[in-house]
Amino acid sequence: MPIYIDSSGALHHDQEHNFALTCPHCEVLAHLTPVSVPDYATLVAYKPSHVGIVYRCDACNAPLFLKYPVKLYTGSRVELGSNFQELERAREKFSFTHLPEEAEALFREALACLSAGCYNAFGSLCRRTAQAVFADLGENGKLKLFDQLVEVREMAELDQDAFNVVRKVLFATDAEPRPNMPQLDAATAGVLVEVLKDLLYQSYVRKGRLQQAMAMRRYFAEEGRGKVTPLSKATS
């Protein structure tokens, strides 16, 4: 059953009771309720190629705006495509604590571009993030990261096309006048962000957290030894 607006201005959706998205405001996967649907007569009069519908997040009551393509105008309804566009997205989360300053700044901007749906800008900033990481880790570090990328490919069962996109974005050289940067869409950007998150986590976050945990263990062990009264002194 298609998504459509009928002549009375009511929105019909076959997945209406199960329609849920991650809210960009409260970051909860919540059901969405339509609260503002375009006027049917106005749509028929002007016949726009896209329409916007305002929903309410059932978790926090914040408004969410989705843009739908129009498939067909008929005498009694306006049929909409199912591939809607979210004009606001929940921000991607990542622990930046242990990243080098330059890599952190670039990856923060990359995630902001992804949340805004600017996929090619996101890809460019991912490449700059990777270059900052390579400069920090050196050539051996770059080779290790490529080996990690191959492992990610096997674990996540990436197909050849997705792997080639990630490899070109992160590891291709910028020596040419026009660098070979693939064009990204929502799907390929989603693969790229998860791969880069994993590479950064393995290179910095995991190492930093492990070193921090070990340092705390040593600290408490040394504190404990300092508080124990030697047996010879206690019995003298």
C-alpha atoms as a PDB file:
ATOM      1  CA  MET A   1       0.000   0.000   0.000  1.00  0.00           C
ATOM      2  CA  PRO A   2       1.526   3.356  -1.008  1.00  0.00           C
ATOM      3  CA  ILE A   3       1.975   6.436   1.137  1.00  0.00           C
ATOM      4  CA  TYR A   4      -0.518   9.088   0.104  1.00  0.00           C
ATOM      5  CA  ILE A   5      -2.435  12.197   1.109  1.00  0.00           C
ATOM      6  CA  ASP A   6      -6.150  11.930   0.379  1.00  0.00           C
ATOM      7  CA  SER A   7      -8.511  14.697  -0.691  1.00  0.00           C
ATOM      8  CA  SER A   8      -9.429  15.427   2.936  1.00  0.00           C
ATOM      9  CA  GLY A   9      -5.773  16.117   3.779  1.00  0.00           C
ATOM     10  CA  ALA A  10      -5.246  12.890   5.769  1.00  0.00           C
ATOM     11  CA  LEU A  11      -1.937  11.040   5.511  1.00  0.00           C
ATOM     12  CA  HIS A  12      -2.132   7.284   4.893  1.00  0.00           C
ATOM     13  CA  HIS A  13       0.889   5.076   5.563  1.00  0.00           C
ATOM     14  CA  ASP A  14       0.924   1.269   5.620  1.00  0.00           C
ATOM     15  CA  GLN A  15       3.619   1.308   8.338  1.00  0.00           C
ATOM     16  CA  GLU A  16       2.035   4.127  10.334  1.00  0.00           C
ATOM     17  CA  HIS A  17       1.941   2.268  13.665  1.00  0.00           C
ATOM     18  CA  ASN A  18       5.525   1.034  13.291  1.00  0.00           C
ATOM     19  CA  PHE A  19       7.086   4.159  11.791  1.00  0.00           C
ATOM     20  CA  ALA A  20      10.086   5.049  13.976  1.00  0.00           C
ATOM     21  CA  LEU A  21      13.327   6.986  13.602  1.00  0.00           C
ATOM     22  CA  THR A  22      16.167   8.042  15.866  1.00  0.00           C
ATOM     23  CA  CYS A  23      15.166  11.511  17.029  1.00  0.00           C
ATOM     24  CA  PRO A  24      17.918  14.134  16.493  1.00  0.00           C
ATOM     25  CA  HIS A  25      16.788  15.941  19.645  1.00  0.00           C
ATOM     26  CA  CYS A  26      16.514  13.202  22.286  1.00  0.00           C
ATOM     27  CA  GLU A  27      18.494  10.567  20.325  1.00  0.00           C
ATOM     28  CA  VAL A  28      15.902   7.885  21.113  1.00  0.00           C
ATOM     29  CA  LEU A  29      14.531   5.458  18.533  1.00  0.00           C
ATOM     30  CA  ALA A  30      10.904   6.536  18.815  1.00  0.00           C
ATOM     31  CA  HIS A  31       7.611   6.328  16.974  1.00  0.00           C
ATOM     32  CA  LEU A  32       6.687   9.393  14.916  1.00  0.00           C
ATOM     33  CA  THR A  33       3.202  10.877  14.722  1.00  0.00           C
ATOM     34  CA  PRO A  34       2.280  13.208  11.824  1.00  0.00           C
ATOM     35  CA  VAL A  35       1.098  16.604  13.075  1.00  0.00           C
ATOM     36  CA  SER A  36       1.237  18.816   9.970  1.00  0.00           C
ATOM     37  CA  VAL A  37       0.354  17.545   6.486  1.00  0.00           C
ATOM     38  CA  PRO A  38       0.261  19.802   3.378  1.00  0.00           C
ATOM     39  CA  ASP A  39      -3.154  20.959   2.179  1.00  0.00           C
ATOM     40  CA  TYR A  40      -4.428  18.694  -0.599  1.00  0.00           C
ATOM     41  CA  ALA A  41      -5.959  21.501  -2.684  1.00  0.00           C
ATOM     42  CA  THR A  42      -2.720  23.497  -2.557  1.00  0.00           C
ATOM     43  CA  LEU A  43      -0.696  20.467  -3.642  1.00  0.00           C
ATOM     44  CA  VAL A  44      -2.990  19.776  -6.588  1.00  0.00           C
ATOM     45  CA  ALA A  45      -2.927  23.435  -7.624  1.00  0.00           C
ATOM     46  CA  TYR A  46       0.870  23.797  -7.635  1.00  0.00           C
ATOM     47  CA  LYS A  47       2.009  20.161  -8.047  1.00  0.00           C
ATOM     48  CA  PRO A  48       5.410  20.374  -6.315  1.00  0.00           C
ATOM     49  CA  SER A  49       7.862  17.530  -6.924  1.00  0.00           C
ATOM     50  CA  HIS A  50       8.474  17.149  -3.175  1.00  0.00           C
ATOM     51  CA  VAL A  51       6.333  17.717  -0.088  1.00  0.00           C
ATOM     52  CA  GLY A  52       7.249  18.212   3.550  1.00  0.00           C
ATOM     53  CA  ILE A  53       5.505  16.629   6.519  1.00  0.00           C
ATOM     54  CA  VAL A  54       6.080  17.569  10.161  1.00  0.00           C
ATOM     55  CA  TYR A  55       6.062  14.722  12.672  1.00  0.00           C
ATOM     56  CA  ARG A  56       6.129  14.670  16.462  1.00  0.00           C
ATOM     57  CA  CYS A  57       8.631  12.487  18.301  1.00  0.00           C
ATOM     58  CA  ASP A  58       6.556  10.418  20.738  1.00  0.00           C
ATOM     59  CA  ALA A  59       9.518  10.295  23.158  1.00  0.00           C
ATOM     60  CA  CYS A  60      10.270  14.014  23.581  1.00  0.00           C
ATOM     61  CA  ASN A  61       7.482  15.769  21.574  1.00  0.00           C
ATOM     62  CA  ALA A  62      10.035  17.623  19.421  1.00  0.00           C
ATOM     63  CA  PRO A  63       9.107  18.307  15.767  1.00  0.00           C
ATOM     64  CA  LEU A  64      10.811  16.397  12.942  1.00  0.00           C
ATOM     65  CA  PHE A  65      10.581  17.464   9.311  1.00  0.00           C
ATOM     66  CA  LEU A  66      10.693  14.831   6.543  1.00  0.00           C
ATOM     67  CA  LYS A  67      10.706  15.559   2.818  1.00  0.00           C
ATOM     68  CA  TYR A  68       9.024  13.072   0.451  1.00  0.00           C
ATOM     69  CA  PRO A  69       9.176  12.872  -3.350  1.00  0.00           C
ATOM     70  CA  VAL A  70       5.806  12.954  -5.115  1.00  0.00           C
ATOM     71  CA  LYS A  71       5.168   9.891  -7.282  1.00  0.00           C
ATOM     72  CA  LEU A  72       1.756  10.668  -8.712  1.00  0.00           C
ATOM     73  CA  TYR A  73      -1.096  13.179  -8.667  1.00  0.00           C
ATOM     74  CA  THR A  74      -4.529  11.625  -9.139  1.00  0.00           C
ATOM     75  CA  GLY A  75      -8.052  12.921  -8.908  1.00  0.00           C
ATOM     76  CA  SER A  76      -8.420  11.845  -5.278  1.00  0.00           C
ATOM     77  CA  ARG A  77      -4.946  11.640  -3.758  1.00  0.00           C
ATOM     78  CA  VAL A  78      -1.264  12.546  -3.918  1.00  0.00           C
ATOM     79  CA  GLU A  79       0.984   9.483  -3.820  1.00  0.00           C
ATOM     80  CA  LEU A  80       4.393   9.862  -2.161  1.00  0.00           C
ATOM     81  CA  GLY A  81       7.603   7.902  -2.532  1.00  0.00           C
ATOM     82  CA  SER A  82       8.894   5.928   0.446  1.00  0.00           C
ATOM     83  CA  ASN A  83      12.479   7.254   0.186  1.00  0.00           C
ATOM     84  CA  PHE A  84      12.039  10.309   2.392  1.00  0.00           C
ATOM     85  CA  GLN A  85      14.820  12.704   3.380  1.00  0.00           C
ATOM     86  CA  GLU A  86      15.480  13.622   7.000  1.00  0.00           C
ATOM     87  CA  LEU A  87      16.263  17.330   7.246  1.00  0.00           C
ATOM     88  CA  GLU A  88      17.604  16.840  10.772  1.00  0.00           C
ATOM     89  CA  ARG A  89      19.602  13.808  11.817  1.00  0.00           C
ATOM     90  CA  ALA A  90      20.871  12.579  15.125  1.00  0.00           C
ATOM     91  CA  ARG A  91      24.579  13.372  15.528  1.00  0.00           C
ATOM     92  CA  GLU A  92      26.987  10.492  15.279  1.00  0.00           C
ATOM     93  CA  LYS A  93      28.628   9.597  18.588  1.00  0.00           C
ATOM     94  CA  PHE A  94      32.317   8.865  19.068  1.00  0.00           C
ATOM     95  CA  SER A  95      34.805   9.045  21.932  1.00  0.00           C
ATOM     96  CA  PHE A  96      37.364  11.674  20.884  1.00  0.00           C
ATOM     97  CA  THR A  97      39.337  11.666  24.157  1.00  0.00           C
ATOM     98  CA  HIS A  98      42.484   9.935  22.948  1.00  0.00           C
ATOM     99  CA  LEU A  99      42.657  11.266  19.369  1.00  0.00           C
ATOM    100  CA  PRO A 100      45.412  13.686  18.280  1.00  0.00           C
ATOM    101  CA  GLU A 101      44.182  17.273  18.146  1.00  0.00           C
ATOM    102  CA  GLU A 102      44.199  17.625  14.353  1.00  0.00           C
ATOM    103  CA  ALA A 103      42.489  14.289  13.717  1.00  0.00           C
ATOM    104  CA  GLU A 104      39.870  15.090  16.357  1.00  0.00           C
ATOM    105  CA  ALA A 105      39.019  18.482  14.819  1.00  0.00           C
ATOM    106  CA  LEU A 106      38.729  17.042  11.307  1.00  0.00           C
ATOM    107  CA  PHE A 107      36.653  14.034  12.327  1.00  0.00           C
ATOM    108  CA  ARG A 108      34.271  16.213  14.353  1.00  0.00           C
ATOM    109  CA  GLU A 109      33.637  18.297  11.224  1.00  0.00           C
ATOM    110  CA  ALA A 110      33.263  15.128   9.171  1.00  0.00           C
ATOM    111  CA  LEU A 111      30.518  13.841  11.478  1.00  0.00           C
ATOM    112  CA  ALA A 112      28.777  17.219  11.359  1.00  0.00           C
ATOM    113  CA  CYS A 113      28.734  17.005   7.547  1.00  0.00           C
ATOM    114  CA  LEU A 114      27.335  13.484   7.728  1.00  0.00           C
ATOM    115  CA  SER A 115      24.535  14.601  10.057  1.00  0.00           C
ATOM    116  CA  ALA A 116      23.692  17.397   7.608  1.00  0.00           C
ATOM    117  CA  GLY A 117      23.548  14.964   4.683  1.00  0.00           C
ATOM    118  CA  CYS A 118      26.593  16.512   2.968  1.00  0.00           C
ATOM    119  CA  TYR A 119      28.049  13.169   1.985  1.00  0.00           C
ATOM    120  CA  ASN A 120      30.811  14.290  -0.376  1.00  0.00           C
ATOM    121  CA  ALA A 121      32.018  16.927   2.083  1.00  0.00           C
ATOM    122  CA  PHE A 122      31.972  14.162   4.683  1.00  0.00           C
ATOM    123  CA  GLY A 123      34.136  11.996   2.425  1.00  0.00           C
ATOM    124  CA  SER A 124      36.661  14.796   1.881  1.00  0.00           C
ATOM    125  CA  LEU A 125      36.989  15.361   5.623  1.00  0.00           C
ATOM    126  CA  CYS A 126      37.364  11.616   6.195  1.00  0.00           C
ATOM    127  CA  ARG A 127      40.300  11.660   3.795  1.00  0.00           C
ATOM    128  CA  ARG A 128      41.865  14.608   5.642  1.00  0.00           C
ATOM    129  CA  THR A 129      41.293  12.794   8.940  1.00  0.00           C
ATOM    130  CA  ALA A 130      43.055   9.721   7.570  1.00  0.00           C
ATOM    131  CA  GLN A 131      45.954  11.855   6.325  1.00  0.00           C
ATOM    132  CA  ALA A 132      46.326  13.440   9.771  1.00  0.00           C
ATOM    133  CA  VAL A 133      46.371   9.958  11.328  1.00  0.00           C
ATOM    134  CA  PHE A 134      48.990   8.723   8.823  1.00  0.00           C
ATOM    135  CA  ALA A 135      51.188  11.733   9.612  1.00  0.00           C
ATOM    136  CA  ASP A 136      50.881  10.985  13.326  1.00  0.00           C
ATOM    137  CA  LEU A 137      51.492   7.220  13.096  1.00  0.00           C
ATOM    138  CA  GLY A 138      54.057   7.203  10.298  1.00  0.00           C
ATOM    139  CA  GLU A 139      54.362   4.858   7.329  1.00  0.00           C
ATOM    140  CA  ASN A 140      54.329   1.719   9.480  1.00  0.00           C
ATOM    141  CA  GLY A 141      51.165   2.939  11.158  1.00  0.00           C
ATOM    142  CA  LYS A 142      49.547   3.515   7.763  1.00  0.00           C
ATOM    143  CA  LEU A 143      50.379  -0.053   6.696  1.00  0.00           C
ATOM    144  CA  LYS A 144      48.906  -1.407   9.942  1.00  0.00           C
ATOM    145  CA  LEU A 145      45.733   0.596   9.349  1.00  0.00           C
ATOM    146  CA  PHE A 146      45.399  -0.890   5.873  1.00  0.00           C
ATOM    147  CA  ASP A 147      45.748  -4.356   7.370  1.00  0.00           C
ATOM    148  CA  GLN A 148      43.006  -3.421   9.849  1.00  0.00           C
ATOM    149  CA  LEU A 149      40.839  -2.271   6.946  1.00  0.00           C
ATOM    150  CA  VAL A 150      41.218  -5.702   5.335  1.00  0.00           C
ATOM    151  CA  GLU A 151      40.208  -7.320   8.639  1.00  0.00           C
ATOM    152  CA  VAL A 152      37.156  -5.048   8.875  1.00  0.00           C
ATOM    153  CA  ARG A 153      36.218  -6.034   5.344  1.00  0.00           C
ATOM    154  CA  GLU A 154      36.237  -9.704   6.326  1.00  0.00           C
ATOM    155  CA  MET A 155      34.408  -9.216   9.647  1.00  0.00           C
ATOM    156  CA  ALA A 156      31.726  -6.918   8.222  1.00  0.00           C
ATOM    157  CA  GLU A 157      31.534  -8.901   4.964  1.00  0.00           C
ATOM    158  CA  LEU A 158      31.848  -5.773   2.835  1.00  0.00           C
ATOM    159  CA  ASP A 159      31.301  -6.303  -0.858  1.00  0.00           C
ATOM    160  CA  GLN A 160      33.985  -5.309  -3.355  1.00  0.00           C
ATOM    161  CA  ASP A 161      32.298  -2.034  -4.351  1.00  0.00           C
ATOM    162  CA  ALA A 162      31.940  -0.811  -0.759  1.00  0.00           C
ATOM    163  CA  PHE A 163      35.510  -1.822   0.053  1.00  0.00           C
ATOM    164  CA  ASN A 164      36.849   0.016  -3.003  1.00  0.00           C
ATOM    165  CA  VAL A 165      35.013   3.207  -1.999  1.00  0.00           C
ATOM    166  CA  VAL A 166      36.436   3.126   1.529  1.00  0.00           C
ATOM    167  CA  ARG A 167      39.939   2.302   0.270  1.00  0.00           C
ATOM    168  CA  LYS A 168      39.908   5.138  -2.268  1.00  0.00           C
ATOM    169  CA  VAL A 169      38.607   7.693   0.217  1.00  0.00           C
ATOM    170  CA  LEU A 170      41.032   6.832   3.003  1.00  0.00           C
ATOM    171  CA  PHE A 171      44.150   5.524   1.269  1.00  0.00           C
ATOM    172  CA  ALA A 172      44.291   7.048  -2.243  1.00  0.00           C
ATOM    173  CA  THR A 173      46.933   9.698  -2.823  1.00  0.00           C
ATOM    174  CA  ASP A 174      46.186  13.366  -3.413  1.00  0.00           C
ATOM    175  CA  ALA A 175      49.187  13.753  -5.713  1.00  0.00           C
ATOM    176  CA  GLU A 176      47.065  14.015  -8.880  1.00  0.00           C
ATOM    177  CA  PRO A 177      45.670  17.418  -9.966  1.00  0.00           C
ATOM    178  CA  ARG A 178      42.168  16.018  -9.387  1.00  0.00           C
ATOM    179  CA  PRO A 179      42.266  13.393  -6.636  1.00  0.00           C
ATOM    180  CA  ASN A 180      40.229  10.251  -7.281  1.00  0.00           C
ATOM    181  CA  MET A 181      37.497  10.885  -4.715  1.00  0.00           C
ATOM    182  CA  PRO A 182      34.431   8.645  -5.129  1.00  0.00           C
ATOM    183  CA  GLN A 183      30.967  10.193  -5.055  1.00  0.00           C
ATOM    184  CA  LEU A 184      29.175   9.184  -1.868  1.00  0.00           C
ATOM    185  CA  ASP A 185      25.529   8.592  -1.060  1.00  0.00           C
ATOM    186  CA  ALA A 186      23.824   7.786   2.234  1.00  0.00           C
ATOM    187  CA  ALA A 187      24.622   4.070   2.014  1.00  0.00           C
ATOM    188  CA  THR A 188      28.323   4.393   1.173  1.00  0.00           C
ATOM    189  CA  ALA A 189      28.749   7.217   3.709  1.00  0.00           C
ATOM    190  CA  GLY A 190      27.244   4.943   6.347  1.00  0.00           C
ATOM    191  CA  VAL A 191      29.791   2.223   5.555  1.00  0.00           C
ATOM    192  CA  LEU A 192      32.646   4.738   5.524  1.00  0.00           C
ATOM    193  CA  VAL A 193      31.816   6.241   8.917  1.00  0.00           C
ATOM    194  CA  GLU A 194      31.624   2.844  10.619  1.00  0.00           C
ATOM    195  CA  VAL A 195      34.942   1.752   9.105  1.00  0.00           C
ATOM    196  CA  LEU A 196      36.727   4.969  10.073  1.00  0.00           C
ATOM    197  CA  LYS A 197      35.276   4.833  13.590  1.00  0.00           C
ATOM    198  CA  ASP A 198      36.673   1.336  13.964  1.00  0.00           C
ATOM    199  CA  LEU A 199      40.132   2.312  12.643  1.00  0.00           C
ATOM    200  CA  LEU A 200      40.325   5.321  14.972  1.00  0.00           C
ATOM    201  CA  TYR A 201      39.125   3.265  17.908  1.00  0.00           C
ATOM    202  CA  GLN A 202      41.730   0.563  17.319  1.00  0.00           C
ATOM    203  CA  SER A 203      44.543   3.081  16.751  1.00  0.00           C
ATOM    204  CA  TYR A 204      43.873   5.517  19.598  1.00  0.00           C
ATOM    205  CA  VAL A 205      40.837   4.952  21.804  1.00  0.00           C
ATOM    206  CA  ARG A 206      41.432   1.299  22.664  1.00  0.00           C
ATOM    207  CA  LYS A 207      45.131   1.941  23.307  1.00  0.00           C
ATOM    208  CA  GLY A 208      44.440   5.052  25.400  1.00  0.00           C
ATOM    209  CA  ARG A 209      41.792   3.365  27.523  1.00  0.00           C
ATOM    210  CA  LEU A 210      43.984   0.323  28.094  1.00  0.00           C
ATOM    211  CA  GLN A 211      46.969   2.452  29.127  1.00  0.00           C
ATOM    212  CA  GLN A 212      44.728   4.510  31.410  1.00  0.00           C
ATOM    213  CA  ALA A 213      43.298   1.382  33.040  1.00  0.00           C
ATOM    214  CA  MET A 214      46.779  -0.091  33.557  1.00  0.00           C
ATOM    215  CA  ALA A 215      48.025   3.157  35.093  1.00  0.00           C
ATOM    216  CA  MET A 216      45.106   3.138  37.533  1.00  0.00           C
ATOM    217  CA  ARG A 217      45.797  -0.495  38.434  1.00  0.00           C
ATOM    218  CA  ARG A 218      49.455   0.317  39.165  1.00  0.00           C
ATOM    219  CA  TYR A 219      48.468   3.375  41.190  1.00  0.00           C
ATOM    220  CA  PHE A 220      46.073   1.460  43.457  1.00  0.00           C
ATOM    221  CA  ALA A 221      48.517  -1.448  43.777  1.00  0.00           C
ATOM    222  CA  GLU A 222      51.265   0.926  44.911  1.00  0.00           C
ATOM    223  CA  GLU A 223      48.882   2.718  47.279  1.00  0.00           C
ATOM    224  CA  GLY A 224      47.884  -0.628  48.768  1.00  0.00           C
ATOM    225  CA  ARG A 225      51.479  -1.691  49.308  1.00  0.00           C
ATOM    226  CA  GLY A 226      52.254   1.627  51.012  1.00  0.00           C
ATOM    227  CA  LYS A 227      49.430   1.180  53.555  1.00  0.00           C
ATOM    228  CA  VAL A 228      50.312  -2.394  54.601  1.00  0.00           C
ATOM    229  CA  THR A 229      52.282  -2.519  57.899  1.00  0.00           C
ATOM    230  CA  PRO A 230      55.253  -4.898  57.645  1.00  0.00           C
ATOM    231  CA  LEU A 231      54.852  -7.941  59.963  1.00  0.00           C
ATOM    232  CA  SER A 232      58.214  -7.385  61.688  1.00  0.00           C
ATOM    233  CA  LYS A 233      57.259  -3.857  62.738  1.00  0.00           C
ATOM    234  CA  ALA A 234      53.808  -4.870  63.876  1.00  0.00           C
ATOM    235  CA  THR A 235      55.141  -7.557  66.259  1.00  0.00           C
ATOM    236  CA  SER A 236      58.237  -5.739  67.576  1.00  0.00           C
END
